[in-house]
């Protein structure tokens, strides 16, 4: 039987995985700032991903032009997604 808690955990796990993909795309797009068609994609992704990334940018400022805060942001998101994934996979939790 699917309970509301199981549905919530499953939905959150799916959302976190999709958000992680969006973050990776956003980070990769920063490597190609001069490609014109990338500006439209970046403009669409920035309002979605930058608030989360800004949390980590305030912790780890850019060092010498290199921004290592996305590494920490992805690591934290992956850990949280893994926790929801393990809750989703464990039978009898709900």
N, C-alpha and C. Protein backbone atom coordinates (compact mmCIF):
# COMPACT_ATOMS: atom_id res chain seq x y z
N UNK A 1 0.83 -1.19 0.00
CA UNK A 1 0.00 0.00 0.00
C UNK A 1 0.87 1.25 0.00
N UNK A 2 0.47 2.19 -0.78
CA UNK A 2 1.16 3.48 -0.80
C UNK A 2 0.49 4.43 0.17
N UNK A 3 1.25 4.91 1.09
CA UNK A 3 0.71 5.87 2.05
C UNK A 3 1.07 7.28 1.59
N UNK A 4 0.45 8.28 2.18
CA UNK A 4 0.81 9.66 1.83
C UNK A 4 2.29 9.97 2.12
N UNK A 5 2.84 9.38 3.18
CA UNK A 5 4.24 9.60 3.51
C UNK A 5 5.15 9.02 2.42
N UNK A 6 4.80 7.84 1.91
CA UNK A 6 5.59 7.22 0.85
C UNK A 6 5.54 8.06 -0.42
N UNK A 7 4.36 8.60 -0.71
CA UNK A 7 4.22 9.45 -1.88
C UNK A 7 5.04 10.73 -1.74
N UNK A 8 5.04 11.31 -0.54
CA UNK A 8 5.81 12.51 -0.28
C UNK A 8 7.30 12.25 -0.42
N UNK A 9 7.79 11.17 0.15
CA UNK A 9 9.21 10.83 0.07
C UNK A 9 9.61 10.56 -1.37
N UNK A 10 8.78 9.84 -2.10
CA UNK A 10 9.06 9.55 -3.49
C UNK A 10 9.09 10.82 -4.33
N UNK A 11 8.14 11.71 -4.08
CA UNK A 11 8.09 12.98 -4.82
C UNK A 11 9.31 13.85 -4.51
N UNK A 12 9.69 13.92 -3.24
CA UNK A 12 10.87 14.71 -2.87
C UNK A 12 12.15 14.13 -3.47
N UNK A 13 12.26 12.82 -3.48
CA UNK A 13 13.45 12.19 -4.07
C UNK A 13 13.53 12.49 -5.56
N UNK A 14 12.41 12.43 -6.25
CA UNK A 14 12.38 12.75 -7.68
C UNK A 14 12.71 14.20 -7.92
N UNK A 15 12.12 15.10 -7.12
CA UNK A 15 12.40 16.53 -7.25
C UNK A 15 13.88 16.82 -7.05
N UNK A 16 14.48 16.23 -6.02
CA UNK A 16 15.89 16.48 -5.74
C UNK A 16 16.79 15.98 -6.87
N UNK A 17 16.44 14.85 -7.46
CA UNK A 17 17.22 14.34 -8.58
C UNK A 17 17.10 15.26 -9.81
N UNK A 18 15.92 15.75 -10.08
CA UNK A 18 15.74 16.69 -11.20
C UNK A 18 16.47 17.99 -10.92
N UNK A 19 16.39 18.48 -9.69
CA UNK A 19 17.08 19.72 -9.33
C UNK A 19 18.59 19.56 -9.45
N UNK A 20 19.09 18.39 -9.10
CA UNK A 20 20.52 18.13 -9.22
C UNK A 20 20.96 18.18 -10.69
N UNK A 21 20.15 17.65 -11.57
CA UNK A 21 20.45 17.70 -13.00
C UNK A 21 20.46 19.15 -13.48
N UNK A 22 19.48 19.94 -13.03
CA UNK A 22 19.44 21.36 -13.41
C UNK A 22 20.67 22.10 -12.90
N UNK A 23 21.11 21.78 -11.69
CA UNK A 23 22.32 22.41 -11.16
C UNK A 23 23.55 22.06 -11.99
N UNK A 24 23.66 20.81 -12.36
CA UNK A 24 24.82 20.39 -13.17
C UNK A 24 24.81 21.10 -14.51
N UNK A 25 23.64 21.20 -15.13
CA UNK A 25 23.54 21.91 -16.41
C UNK A 25 23.94 23.37 -16.22
N UNK A 26 23.44 24.00 -15.17
CA UNK A 26 23.76 25.41 -14.90
C UNK A 26 25.26 25.60 -14.68
N UNK A 27 25.88 24.70 -13.95
CA UNK A 27 27.32 24.79 -13.68
C UNK A 27 28.11 24.60 -14.97
N UNK A 28 27.71 23.63 -15.77
CA UNK A 28 28.42 23.40 -17.04
C UNK A 28 28.28 24.58 -17.99
N UNK A 29 27.12 25.24 -17.97
CA UNK A 29 26.91 26.39 -18.86
C UNK A 29 27.82 27.57 -18.50
N UNK A 30 28.26 27.64 -17.27
CA UNK A 30 29.16 28.74 -16.90
C UNK A 30 30.52 28.58 -17.55
N UNK A 31 30.84 27.41 -18.04
CA UNK A 31 32.11 27.20 -18.73
C UNK A 31 32.10 27.76 -20.15
N UNK A 32 30.91 28.03 -20.69
CA UNK A 32 30.78 28.52 -22.06
C UNK A 32 29.99 29.83 -22.09
N UNK A 33 30.52 30.90 -21.50
CA UNK A 33 29.74 32.14 -21.41
C UNK A 33 29.58 32.88 -22.73
N UNK A 34 30.40 32.59 -23.73
CA UNK A 34 30.37 33.35 -24.98
C UNK A 34 29.47 32.77 -26.05
N UNK A 35 28.91 31.60 -25.83
CA UNK A 35 28.02 30.99 -26.81
C UNK A 35 26.66 31.66 -26.69
N UNK A 36 26.15 32.23 -27.77
CA UNK A 36 24.95 33.08 -27.70
C UNK A 36 23.69 32.31 -27.29
N UNK A 37 23.48 31.11 -27.78
CA UNK A 37 22.24 30.39 -27.46
C UNK A 37 22.22 29.91 -26.02
N UNK A 38 23.38 29.90 -25.37
CA UNK A 38 23.44 29.50 -23.96
C UNK A 38 22.82 30.57 -23.06
N UNK A 39 22.79 31.83 -23.51
CA UNK A 39 22.24 32.90 -22.69
C UNK A 39 20.77 32.68 -22.37
N UNK A 40 20.01 32.15 -23.32
CA UNK A 40 18.60 31.89 -23.08
C UNK A 40 18.40 30.79 -22.03
N UNK A 41 19.19 29.74 -22.14
CA UNK A 41 19.09 28.64 -21.17
C UNK A 41 19.54 29.11 -19.80
N UNK A 42 20.64 29.86 -19.76
CA UNK A 42 21.14 30.36 -18.49
C UNK A 42 20.14 31.31 -17.85
N UNK A 43 19.50 32.14 -18.66
CA UNK A 43 18.50 33.06 -18.13
C UNK A 43 17.32 32.31 -17.52
N UNK A 44 17.00 31.17 -18.06
CA UNK A 44 15.90 30.37 -17.52
C UNK A 44 16.33 29.61 -16.26
N UNK A 45 17.56 29.13 -16.22
CA UNK A 45 18.02 28.33 -15.09
C UNK A 45 18.48 29.17 -13.90
N UNK A 46 18.95 30.37 -14.15
CA UNK A 46 19.50 31.19 -13.07
C UNK A 46 18.51 31.45 -11.93
N UNK A 47 17.27 31.87 -12.22
CA UNK A 47 16.36 32.11 -11.09
C UNK A 47 16.00 30.84 -10.31
N UNK A 48 16.15 29.69 -10.95
CA UNK A 48 15.82 28.43 -10.29
C UNK A 48 16.97 27.94 -9.42
N UNK A 49 18.19 28.06 -9.92
CA UNK A 49 19.34 27.45 -9.24
C UNK A 49 20.16 28.42 -8.40
N UNK A 50 20.19 29.70 -8.76
CA UNK A 50 21.06 30.64 -8.05
C UNK A 50 20.73 30.84 -6.57
N UNK A 51 19.46 30.84 -6.16
CA UNK A 51 19.22 30.98 -4.71
C UNK A 51 19.88 29.87 -3.89
N UNK A 52 19.83 28.64 -4.39
CA UNK A 52 20.50 27.54 -3.69
C UNK A 52 22.01 27.69 -3.74
N UNK A 53 22.55 28.02 -4.91
CA UNK A 53 23.99 28.18 -5.03
C UNK A 53 24.50 29.36 -4.21
N UNK A 54 23.70 30.41 -4.09
CA UNK A 54 24.11 31.58 -3.31
C UNK A 54 24.30 31.26 -1.84
N UNK A 55 23.56 30.29 -1.33
CA UNK A 55 23.78 29.86 0.05
C UNK A 55 25.21 29.39 0.26
N UNK A 56 25.73 28.66 -0.71
CA UNK A 56 27.07 28.11 -0.59
C UNK A 56 28.14 29.12 -1.01
N UNK A 57 27.78 30.05 -1.87
CA UNK A 57 28.72 31.11 -2.24
C UNK A 57 29.01 32.02 -1.05
N UNK A 58 28.05 32.15 -0.14
CA UNK A 58 28.29 32.96 1.05
C UNK A 58 29.22 32.24 2.03
N UNK A 59 29.28 30.91 1.95
CA UNK A 59 30.16 30.14 2.81
C UNK A 59 31.57 30.06 2.22
N UNK A 60 31.65 29.76 0.92
CA UNK A 60 32.93 29.62 0.23
C UNK A 60 33.00 30.68 -0.86
N UNK A 61 33.70 31.78 -0.61
CA UNK A 61 33.81 32.81 -1.65
C UNK A 61 34.70 32.34 -2.80
N UNK A 62 34.53 32.92 -4.00
CA UNK A 62 35.40 32.55 -5.12
C UNK A 62 36.87 32.81 -4.80
N UNK A 63 37.71 31.84 -5.15
CA UNK A 63 39.13 31.96 -4.87
C UNK A 63 39.89 32.07 -6.18
N UNK A 64 40.42 33.23 -6.46
CA UNK A 64 41.23 33.41 -7.66
C UNK A 64 40.45 33.17 -8.94
N UNK A 65 39.18 33.54 -8.97
CA UNK A 65 38.37 33.34 -10.17
C UNK A 65 37.70 31.98 -10.24
N UNK A 66 38.06 31.08 -9.36
CA UNK A 66 37.44 29.74 -9.34
C UNK A 66 36.41 29.69 -8.23
N UNK A 67 35.21 29.26 -8.56
CA UNK A 67 34.12 29.16 -7.60
C UNK A 67 33.94 27.68 -7.24
N UNK A 68 34.34 27.32 -6.02
CA UNK A 68 34.23 25.93 -5.58
C UNK A 68 32.94 25.67 -4.81
N UNK A 69 32.11 26.69 -4.64
CA UNK A 69 30.87 26.51 -3.89
C UNK A 69 29.90 25.53 -4.56
N UNK A 70 29.84 25.43 -5.90
CA UNK A 70 28.94 24.43 -6.49
C UNK A 70 29.31 22.99 -6.13
N UNK A 71 30.58 22.74 -5.85
CA UNK A 71 30.99 21.39 -5.45
C UNK A 71 30.32 21.04 -4.12
N UNK A 72 30.39 21.97 -3.17
CA UNK A 72 29.75 21.75 -1.88
C UNK A 72 28.24 21.67 -2.02
N UNK A 73 27.67 22.52 -2.87
CA UNK A 73 26.22 22.53 -3.09
C UNK A 73 25.75 21.18 -3.65
N UNK A 74 26.46 20.66 -4.62
CA UNK A 74 26.09 19.37 -5.20
C UNK A 74 26.28 18.24 -4.20
N UNK A 75 27.34 18.31 -3.40
CA UNK A 75 27.59 17.27 -2.41
C UNK A 75 26.46 17.22 -1.38
N UNK A 76 26.05 18.38 -0.88
CA UNK A 76 24.96 18.43 0.10
C UNK A 76 23.66 17.93 -0.53
N UNK A 77 23.38 18.36 -1.74
CA UNK A 77 22.16 17.93 -2.42
C UNK A 77 22.18 16.42 -2.68
N UNK A 78 23.33 15.90 -3.02
CA UNK A 78 23.43 14.46 -3.27
C UNK A 78 23.23 13.67 -1.98
N UNK A 79 23.74 14.17 -0.87
CA UNK A 79 23.55 13.48 0.41
C UNK A 79 22.07 13.49 0.79
N UNK A 80 21.41 14.64 0.66
CA UNK A 80 20.00 14.72 0.99
C UNK A 80 19.16 13.84 0.06
N UNK A 81 19.48 13.86 -1.23
CA UNK A 81 18.76 13.00 -2.19
C UNK A 81 18.99 11.53 -1.86
N UNK A 82 20.19 11.19 -1.44
CA UNK A 82 20.49 9.81 -1.05
C UNK A 82 19.69 9.38 0.18
N UNK A 83 19.52 10.31 1.13
CA UNK A 83 18.71 10.00 2.31
C UNK A 83 17.26 9.73 1.92
N UNK A 84 16.71 10.57 1.06
CA UNK A 84 15.34 10.34 0.61
C UNK A 84 15.24 9.08 -0.23
N UNK A 85 16.26 8.80 -1.01
CA UNK A 85 16.27 7.57 -1.80
C UNK A 85 16.31 6.34 -0.93
N UNK A 86 17.08 6.40 0.16
CA UNK A 86 17.14 5.24 1.06
C UNK A 86 15.83 5.07 1.83
N UNK A 87 15.18 6.19 2.17
CA UNK A 87 13.86 6.09 2.80
C UNK A 87 12.85 5.47 1.84
N UNK A 88 12.98 5.85 0.57
CA UNK A 88 12.06 5.34 -0.45
C UNK A 88 12.28 3.85 -0.67
N UNK A 89 13.53 3.39 -0.58
CA UNK A 89 13.84 2.00 -0.88
C UNK A 89 13.61 1.06 0.30
N UNK A 90 13.60 1.60 1.51
CA UNK A 90 13.45 0.71 2.67
C UNK A 90 12.00 0.35 2.88
N UNK A 91 11.70 -0.96 2.84
CA UNK A 91 10.32 -1.40 3.01
C UNK A 91 9.90 -1.33 4.48
N UNK A 92 8.64 -1.09 4.70
CA UNK A 92 8.10 -1.12 6.05
C UNK A 92 8.35 0.14 6.84
N UNK A 93 8.82 1.21 6.22
CA UNK A 93 9.08 2.44 6.96
C UNK A 93 7.79 3.22 7.18
N UNK A 94 6.80 3.04 6.36
CA UNK A 94 5.57 3.83 6.47
C UNK A 94 4.42 2.93 6.82
